[in-house]
């Protein structure tokens, strides 16, 4: 049915996988305790007060009024188009004036050989 020697060979490989020295065991226990503490802290924080915060209508109205006034101030401060800062056209170079309006075709680029290593 099931070969006992085969089972022992598998268990020997598994126990080798989990074999640890004393320092490794202590480190594993310390990491496990830190993980448990972090999970417990997160659970306690999430269970904290779930009571809704009381809202004062007067404070809400004051907050909305301040937001509206800030939007108006921001709209008033928005810069418009600048006046009097027109750019002058660049003067044409002498070569462009001499050749007129025709454009010359660009010279083909020189192809340098790729070095072989």
N, C-alpha and C. Protein backbone atom coordinates (compact mmCIF):
# COMPACT_ATOMS: atom_id res chain seq x y z
N UNK A 1 0.82 -1.17 0.00
CA UNK A 1 0.00 0.00 0.00
C UNK A 1 0.88 1.25 0.00
N UNK A 2 1.45 1.55 1.12
CA UNK A 2 2.30 2.73 1.21
C UNK A 2 3.64 2.30 1.76
N UNK A 3 4.70 2.64 1.08
CA UNK A 3 6.03 2.21 1.48
C UNK A 3 6.53 3.09 2.63
N UNK A 4 6.86 2.47 3.74
CA UNK A 4 7.31 3.20 4.92
C UNK A 4 8.64 3.89 4.68
N UNK A 5 9.55 3.29 3.92
CA UNK A 5 10.86 3.88 3.65
C UNK A 5 10.72 5.16 2.82
N UNK A 6 9.77 5.13 1.87
CA UNK A 6 9.52 6.30 1.06
C UNK A 6 9.03 7.46 1.93
N UNK A 7 8.15 7.14 2.88
CA UNK A 7 7.64 8.15 3.82
C UNK A 7 8.77 8.72 4.68
N UNK A 8 9.66 7.87 5.14
CA UNK A 8 10.79 8.32 5.96
C UNK A 8 11.73 9.22 5.16
N UNK A 9 11.94 8.91 3.90
CA UNK A 9 12.82 9.72 3.06
C UNK A 9 12.21 11.12 2.86
N UNK A 10 10.92 11.18 2.66
CA UNK A 10 10.26 12.47 2.49
C UNK A 10 10.33 13.26 3.79
N UNK A 11 10.08 12.63 4.91
CA UNK A 11 10.12 13.34 6.19
C UNK A 11 11.52 13.83 6.52
N UNK A 12 12.54 13.08 6.11
CA UNK A 12 13.92 13.51 6.36
C UNK A 12 14.21 14.81 5.60
N UNK A 13 13.70 14.91 4.37
CA UNK A 13 13.91 16.13 3.59
C UNK A 13 13.15 17.30 4.20
N UNK A 14 11.95 17.03 4.71
CA UNK A 14 11.15 18.09 5.31
C UNK A 14 11.79 18.56 6.61
N UNK A 15 12.28 17.66 7.42
CA UNK A 15 12.90 18.06 8.68
C UNK A 15 14.20 18.83 8.42
N UNK A 16 14.91 18.49 7.35
CA UNK A 16 16.10 19.27 7.00
C UNK A 16 15.72 20.70 6.65
N UNK A 17 14.57 20.86 6.03
CA UNK A 17 14.11 22.19 5.64
C UNK A 17 13.81 23.05 6.87
N UNK A 18 13.27 22.42 7.91
CA UNK A 18 12.90 23.16 9.11
C UNK A 18 13.96 23.11 10.20
N UNK A 19 15.11 22.55 9.97
CA UNK A 19 16.18 22.49 10.97
C UNK A 19 16.76 23.89 11.14
N UNK A 20 16.83 24.35 12.41
CA UNK A 20 17.35 25.69 12.72
C UNK A 20 18.29 25.63 13.90
N UNK A 21 19.21 26.58 13.91
CA UNK A 21 20.09 26.70 15.07
C UNK A 21 19.34 27.47 16.17
N UNK A 22 19.95 27.58 17.33
CA UNK A 22 19.31 28.27 18.45
C UNK A 22 19.09 29.75 18.11
N UNK A 23 20.06 30.40 17.46
CA UNK A 23 19.94 31.81 17.11
C UNK A 23 18.83 32.03 16.08
N UNK A 24 18.72 31.11 15.12
CA UNK A 24 17.67 31.24 14.12
C UNK A 24 16.28 31.08 14.75
N UNK A 25 16.16 30.11 15.70
CA UNK A 25 14.88 29.93 16.39
C UNK A 25 14.50 31.17 17.18
N UNK A 26 15.46 31.75 17.89
CA UNK A 26 15.16 32.96 18.67
C UNK A 26 14.76 34.12 17.76
N UNK A 27 15.44 34.25 16.64
CA UNK A 27 15.07 35.30 15.69
C UNK A 27 13.68 35.09 15.12
N UNK A 28 13.33 33.83 14.83
CA UNK A 28 12.00 33.53 14.31
C UNK A 28 10.94 33.85 15.36
N UNK A 29 11.21 33.53 16.60
CA UNK A 29 10.25 33.83 17.68
C UNK A 29 10.10 35.34 17.84
N UNK A 30 11.21 36.08 17.77
CA UNK A 30 11.14 37.54 17.91
C UNK A 30 10.34 38.16 16.77
N UNK A 31 10.56 37.71 15.55
CA UNK A 31 9.81 38.24 14.41
C UNK A 31 8.34 37.89 14.53
N UNK A 32 8.04 36.68 14.98
CA UNK A 32 6.64 36.27 15.16
C UNK A 32 5.95 37.12 16.22
N UNK A 33 6.66 37.42 17.32
CA UNK A 33 6.07 38.25 18.38
C UNK A 33 5.84 39.68 17.88
N UNK A 34 6.78 40.22 17.09
CA UNK A 34 6.58 41.56 16.53
C UNK A 34 5.39 41.59 15.58
N UNK A 35 5.24 40.54 14.79
CA UNK A 35 4.11 40.47 13.87
C UNK A 35 2.79 40.37 14.62
N UNK A 36 2.75 39.58 15.67
CA UNK A 36 1.54 39.46 16.49
C UNK A 36 1.22 40.79 17.16
N UNK A 37 2.25 41.48 17.68
CA UNK A 37 2.03 42.78 18.32
C UNK A 37 1.49 43.80 17.31
N UNK A 38 2.03 43.80 16.09
CA UNK A 38 1.55 44.74 15.08
C UNK A 38 0.11 44.45 14.69
N UNK A 39 -0.23 43.18 14.54
CA UNK A 39 -1.61 42.82 14.20
C UNK A 39 -2.57 43.17 15.34
N UNK A 40 -2.14 42.94 16.59
CA UNK A 40 -2.99 43.27 17.73
C UNK A 40 -3.21 44.77 17.83
N UNK A 41 -2.15 45.55 17.57
CA UNK A 41 -2.27 47.01 17.61
C UNK A 41 -3.21 47.51 16.53
N UNK A 42 -3.08 46.96 15.33
CA UNK A 42 -3.96 47.37 14.23
C UNK A 42 -5.42 47.01 14.55
N UNK A 43 -5.63 45.87 15.16
CA UNK A 43 -6.98 45.44 15.51
C UNK A 43 -7.57 46.36 16.59
N UNK A 44 -6.74 46.73 17.57
CA UNK A 44 -7.23 47.60 18.65
C UNK A 44 -7.55 49.00 18.11
N UNK A 45 -6.72 49.50 17.21
CA UNK A 45 -6.96 50.83 16.65
C UNK A 45 -8.23 50.83 15.80
N UNK A 46 -8.44 49.76 15.05
CA UNK A 46 -9.64 49.72 14.21
C UNK A 46 -10.91 49.57 15.04
N UNK A 47 -10.79 49.03 16.24
CA UNK A 47 -11.95 48.89 17.12
C UNK A 47 -12.20 50.15 17.92
N UNK A 48 -11.39 51.16 17.76
CA UNK A 48 -11.49 52.40 18.54
C UNK A 48 -12.87 53.02 18.45
N UNK A 49 -12.98 54.23 18.89
CA UNK A 49 -14.27 54.93 18.90
C UNK A 49 -14.82 55.07 17.50
N UNK A 50 -15.96 54.48 17.28
CA UNK A 50 -16.64 54.61 16.00
C UNK A 50 -17.78 55.61 16.11
N UNK A 51 -17.76 56.39 17.17
CA UNK A 51 -18.83 57.37 17.36
C UNK A 51 -18.65 58.51 16.37
N UNK A 52 -19.73 58.97 15.77
CA UNK A 52 -19.60 60.10 14.85
C UNK A 52 -19.24 61.38 15.60
N UNK A 53 -18.48 62.21 14.95
CA UNK A 53 -18.07 63.47 15.55
C UNK A 53 -19.25 64.44 15.47
N UNK A 54 -19.61 65.07 16.59
CA UNK A 54 -20.72 66.01 16.53
C UNK A 54 -20.38 67.22 15.65
N UNK A 55 -21.33 67.61 14.82
CA UNK A 55 -21.12 68.70 13.88
C UNK A 55 -21.94 69.90 14.32
N UNK A 56 -21.27 71.04 14.39
CA UNK A 56 -21.94 72.28 14.74
C UNK A 56 -22.31 73.00 13.45
N UNK A 57 -23.59 73.27 13.26
CA UNK A 57 -24.06 73.90 12.03
C UNK A 57 -23.43 75.28 11.82
N UNK A 58 -23.23 76.01 12.89
CA UNK A 58 -22.65 77.35 12.76
C UNK A 58 -21.22 77.25 12.23
N UNK A 59 -20.45 76.26 12.70
CA UNK A 59 -19.08 76.10 12.22
C UNK A 59 -19.05 75.67 10.76
N UNK A 60 -20.00 74.83 10.36
CA UNK A 60 -20.06 74.40 8.97
C UNK A 60 -20.37 75.59 8.06
N UNK A 61 -21.33 76.42 8.46
CA UNK A 61 -21.67 77.60 7.67
C UNK A 61 -20.48 78.56 7.57
N UNK A 62 -19.77 78.75 8.68
CA UNK A 62 -18.60 79.63 8.68
C UNK A 62 -17.52 79.08 7.74
N UNK A 63 -17.31 77.77 7.77
CA UNK A 63 -16.32 77.14 6.90
C UNK A 63 -16.69 77.33 5.43
N UNK A 64 -17.93 77.09 5.08
CA UNK A 64 -18.38 77.27 3.69
C UNK A 64 -18.25 78.72 3.25
N UNK A 65 -18.54 79.65 4.15
CA UNK A 65 -18.43 81.07 3.82
C UNK A 65 -16.97 81.44 3.54
N UNK A 66 -16.06 80.93 4.35
CA UNK A 66 -14.64 81.20 4.14
C UNK A 66 -14.17 80.60 2.82
N UNK A 67 -14.63 79.40 2.49
CA UNK A 67 -14.24 78.77 1.22
C UNK A 67 -14.72 79.59 0.05
N UNK A 68 -15.95 80.08 0.12
CA UNK A 68 -16.49 80.89 -0.97
C UNK A 68 -15.70 82.19 -1.12
N UNK A 69 -15.35 82.83 -0.01
CA UNK A 69 -14.61 84.09 -0.10
C UNK A 69 -13.20 83.85 -0.64
N UNK A 70 -12.60 82.71 -0.32
CA UNK A 70 -11.28 82.40 -0.85
C UNK A 70 -11.34 82.16 -2.35
N UNK A 71 -12.42 81.55 -2.83
CA UNK A 71 -12.56 81.33 -4.27
C UNK A 71 -12.69 82.66 -5.00
N UNK A 72 -13.39 83.61 -4.40
CA UNK A 72 -13.53 84.93 -5.02
C UNK A 72 -12.18 85.65 -5.05
N UNK A 73 -11.43 85.57 -3.97
CA UNK A 73 -10.12 86.22 -3.91
C UNK A 73 -9.19 85.59 -4.93
N UNK A 74 -9.24 84.29 -5.06
CA UNK A 74 -8.37 83.61 -6.00
C UNK A 74 -8.73 83.99 -7.44
N UNK A 75 -10.02 84.11 -7.73
CA UNK A 75 -10.44 84.51 -9.07
C UNK A 75 -9.99 85.94 -9.36
N UNK A 76 -10.02 86.80 -8.36
CA UNK A 76 -9.60 88.19 -8.56
C UNK A 76 -8.09 88.29 -8.77
N UNK A 77 -7.34 87.39 -8.16
CA UNK A 77 -5.88 87.44 -8.26
C UNK A 77 -5.36 86.72 -9.49
N UNK A 78 -6.22 86.04 -10.24
CA UNK A 78 -5.77 85.29 -11.40
C UNK A 78 -5.18 86.25 -12.43
N UNK A 79 -3.94 86.01 -12.85
CA UNK A 79 -3.31 86.95 -13.79
C UNK A 79 -3.94 86.85 -15.17
N UNK A 80 -4.12 87.97 -15.78
CA UNK A 80 -4.65 88.03 -17.12
C UNK A 80 -3.51 88.10 -18.12
N UNK A 81 -3.83 88.35 -19.37
CA UNK A 81 -2.75 88.47 -20.36
C UNK A 81 -1.91 89.71 -20.08
N UNK A 82 -0.61 89.56 -20.22
CA UNK A 82 0.28 90.69 -19.96
C UNK A 82 0.23 91.66 -21.12
N UNK A 83 0.25 92.92 -20.79
CA UNK A 83 0.18 93.95 -21.82
C UNK A 83 1.53 94.62 -21.96
N UNK A 84 1.87 94.97 -23.17
CA UNK A 84 3.10 95.72 -23.40
C UNK A 84 4.35 94.87 -23.43
N UNK A 85 4.22 93.58 -23.53
CA UNK A 85 5.40 92.73 -23.56
C UNK A 85 5.47 91.98 -24.88
N UNK A 86 5.22 92.67 -25.98
CA UNK A 86 5.28 92.03 -27.29
C UNK A 86 6.73 91.73 -27.63
N UNK A 87 6.91 90.59 -28.23
CA UNK A 87 8.26 90.21 -28.62
C UNK A 87 8.55 90.77 -30.01
N UNK A 88 9.75 91.22 -30.17
CA UNK A 88 10.16 91.72 -31.48
C UNK A 88 10.59 90.54 -32.34
N UNK A 89 10.34 90.66 -33.61
CA UNK A 89 10.76 89.62 -34.53
C UNK A 89 12.28 89.66 -34.65
N UNK A 90 12.86 88.49 -34.72
CA UNK A 90 14.32 88.40 -34.83
C UNK A 90 14.75 88.87 -36.20
N UNK A 91 15.84 89.55 -36.23
CA UNK A 91 16.37 90.05 -37.50
C UNK A 91 16.90 88.88 -38.30
N UNK A 92 16.65 88.92 -39.62
CA UNK A 92 17.12 87.84 -40.47
C UNK A 92 18.63 87.95 -40.63
N UNK A 93 19.24 86.80 -40.78
CA UNK A 93 20.69 86.81 -40.96
C UNK A 93 21.04 87.30 -42.36
N UNK A 94 22.28 87.64 -42.56
CA UNK A 94 22.72 88.18 -43.85
C UNK A 94 22.57 87.15 -44.96
N UNK A 95 22.86 85.87 -44.64
CA UNK A 95 22.76 84.82 -45.64
C UNK A 95 21.31 84.65 -46.09
N UNK A 96 20.39 84.73 -45.15
CA UNK A 96 18.99 84.57 -45.50
C UNK A 96 18.52 85.73 -46.36
N UNK A 97 19.05 86.92 -46.10
CA UNK A 97 18.66 88.09 -46.91
C UNK A 97 19.22 87.96 -48.31
N UNK A 98 20.43 87.43 -48.43
CA UNK A 98 21.05 87.31 -49.74
C UNK A 98 20.37 86.24 -50.59
N UNK A 99 20.01 85.10 -49.95
CA UNK A 99 19.45 84.00 -50.73
C UNK A 99 17.98 84.23 -51.04
N UNK A 100 17.38 85.18 -50.41
CA UNK A 100 15.98 85.45 -50.67
C UNK A 100 15.09 84.52 -49.86
N UNK A 101 13.94 84.20 -50.40
CA UNK A 101 12.99 83.37 -49.67
C UNK A 101 13.12 81.89 -49.99
N UNK A 102 13.96 81.52 -50.94
CA UNK A 102 14.06 80.10 -51.28
C UNK A 102 14.90 79.38 -50.23
N UNK A 103 14.46 78.20 -49.96
CA UNK A 103 15.17 77.39 -48.97
C UNK A 103 16.03 76.38 -49.70
N UNK A 104 17.26 76.24 -49.26
CA UNK A 104 18.14 75.26 -49.86
C UNK A 104 17.93 73.91 -49.18
N UNK A 105 18.11 72.86 -49.94
CA UNK A 105 17.93 71.52 -49.34
C UNK A 105 19.11 71.25 -48.41
N UNK A 106 18.87 70.60 -47.31
CA UNK A 106 19.97 70.35 -46.36
C UNK A 106 20.97 69.36 -46.95
N UNK A 107 22.22 69.55 -46.59
CA UNK A 107 23.27 68.67 -47.05
C UNK A 107 23.12 67.30 -46.38
N UNK A 108 23.36 66.23 -47.10
CA UNK A 108 23.25 64.91 -46.46
C UNK A 108 24.34 64.74 -45.41
N UNK A 109 24.00 64.05 -44.38
CA UNK A 109 24.96 63.83 -43.29
C UNK A 109 25.98 62.78 -43.68
N UNK A 110 27.16 62.98 -43.14
CA UNK A 110 28.22 62.01 -43.37
C UNK A 110 28.03 60.83 -42.43
N UNK A 111 28.16 59.63 -42.95
CA UNK A 111 27.98 58.43 -42.13
C UNK A 111 29.35 57.91 -41.73
N UNK A 112 29.60 57.90 -40.45
CA UNK A 112 30.88 57.40 -39.95
C UNK A 112 30.76 55.88 -39.72
N UNK A 113 31.83 55.16 -39.99
CA UNK A 113 31.77 53.71 -39.76
C UNK A 113 31.70 53.40 -38.27
N UNK A 114 31.03 52.32 -37.95
CA UNK A 114 30.90 51.88 -36.57
C UNK A 114 32.14 51.09 -36.19
N UNK A 115 32.77 51.41 -35.06
CA UNK A 115 33.99 50.68 -34.70
C UNK A 115 33.67 49.25 -34.30
N UNK A 116 34.56 48.37 -34.67
CA UNK A 116 34.42 46.93 -34.31
C UNK A 116 35.38 46.61 -33.19
N UNK A 117 34.90 45.94 -32.22
CA UNK A 117 35.74 45.56 -31.09
C UNK A 117 35.95 44.07 -31.08
